[in-house]
Amino acid sequence: MLFALLFFLVGIALFGIGLLGGLAASFEILGKVGYLPASYSTSVGFDAISVALLGQSHPIGILFAALLFGAMQAGANLMQI
């Protein structure tokens, strides 16, 4: 009985997280541009995995890794010739 309740609560949590992630993505696309351009960056998920690995899945480590990745992405345009 306890495992069934735990399984149900995990399912509800995953559903809620997916719902909030989808809403955040739709607000990001529709709020900034109004449509999904073909040049929209699809590497966001891969960057997130890299940040989590670099931060060793620790909240403080992920914070510093995300700041590092953000600084590198912001500076990448300035380094282009």
Protein backbone atom coordinates (compact mmCIF):
# COMPACT_ATOMS: atom_id res chain seq x y z
CA MET A 1 0.00 0.00 0.00
CA LEU A 2 2.82 2.38 0.87
CA PHE A 3 4.60 1.71 -2.42
CA ALA A 4 1.42 2.39 -4.40
CA LEU A 5 0.99 5.72 -2.64
CA LEU A 6 4.64 6.61 -3.22
CA PHE A 7 4.36 5.64 -6.89
CA PHE A 8 1.24 7.80 -7.22
CA LEU A 9 2.88 10.81 -5.56
CA VAL A 10 5.97 10.52 -7.75
CA GLY A 11 3.73 10.38 -10.82
CA ILE A 12 1.85 13.50 -9.72
CA ALA A 13 5.12 15.32 -9.05
CA LEU A 14 6.51 14.38 -12.49
CA PHE A 15 3.28 15.45 -14.16
CA GLY A 16 3.37 18.81 -12.36
CA ILE A 17 7.02 19.41 -13.23
CA GLY A 18 6.36 18.58 -16.88
CA LEU A 19 3.37 20.90 -16.90
CA LEU A 20 5.35 23.78 -15.42
CA GLY A 21 8.25 23.15 -17.81
CA GLY A 22 5.92 23.20 -20.80
CA LEU A 23 4.30 26.42 -19.63
CA ALA A 24 7.68 28.04 -19.09
CA ALA A 25 8.79 27.04 -22.58
CA SER A 26 5.59 28.33 -24.17
CA PHE A 27 5.90 31.65 -22.33
CA GLU A 28 9.54 31.89 -23.47
CA ILE A 29 8.62 31.38 -27.12
CA LEU A 30 5.31 33.22 -27.29
CA GLY A 31 6.35 36.09 -25.02
CA LYS A 32 9.55 37.03 -26.80
CA VAL A 33 8.89 36.39 -30.47
CA GLY A 34 5.28 35.31 -30.84
CA TYR A 35 6.13 32.27 -32.97
CA LEU A 36 8.75 29.51 -33.07
CA PRO A 37 11.49 30.59 -35.47
CA ALA A 38 13.48 27.95 -37.34
CA SER A 39 16.69 29.27 -35.82
CA TYR A 40 15.60 28.69 -32.22
CA SER A 41 18.39 27.08 -30.23
CA THR A 42 17.73 23.39 -29.68
CA SER A 43 20.89 22.83 -27.64
CA VAL A 44 19.36 24.07 -24.37
CA GLY A 45 18.74 20.54 -23.11
CA PHE A 46 22.28 19.45 -23.90
CA ASP A 47 23.64 22.52 -22.12
CA ALA A 48 21.50 21.68 -19.09
CA ILE A 49 22.90 18.15 -18.97
CA SER A 50 26.44 19.54 -19.22
CA VAL A 51 25.75 22.03 -16.42
CA ALA A 52 24.38 19.27 -14.19
CA LEU A 53 27.39 17.07 -14.85
CA LEU A 54 29.86 19.89 -14.29
CA GLY A 55 28.11 20.89 -11.07
CA GLN A 56 28.13 17.24 -9.94
CA SER A 57 24.36 17.41 -9.31
CA HIS A 58 24.86 19.61 -6.24
CA PRO A 59 22.73 22.80 -6.07
CA ILE A 60 25.66 25.13 -5.36
CA GLY A 61 27.81 23.42 -7.99
CA ILE A 62 25.05 23.73 -10.56
CA LEU A 63 24.68 27.42 -9.74
CA PHE A 64 28.36 28.08 -10.42
CA ALA A 65 28.39 25.85 -13.51
CA ALA A 66 25.34 27.69 -14.89
CA LEU A 67 27.03 31.04 -14.30
CA LEU A 68 30.12 29.74 -16.08
CA PHE A 69 28.09 28.50 -19.06
CA GLY A 70 26.14 31.76 -19.21
CA ALA A 71 29.34 33.80 -19.22
CA MET A 72 30.80 31.61 -21.96
CA GLN A 73 27.67 31.90 -24.11
CA ALA A 74 27.49 35.67 -23.61
CA GLY A 75 31.17 36.08 -24.47
CA ALA A 76 31.04 33.74 -27.47
CA ASN A 77 29.42 36.37 -29.69
CA LEU A 78 32.11 38.90 -28.80
CA MET A 79 34.87 36.47 -29.78
CA GLN A 80 33.50 35.91 -33.30
CA ILE A 81 35.40 37.64 -36.07
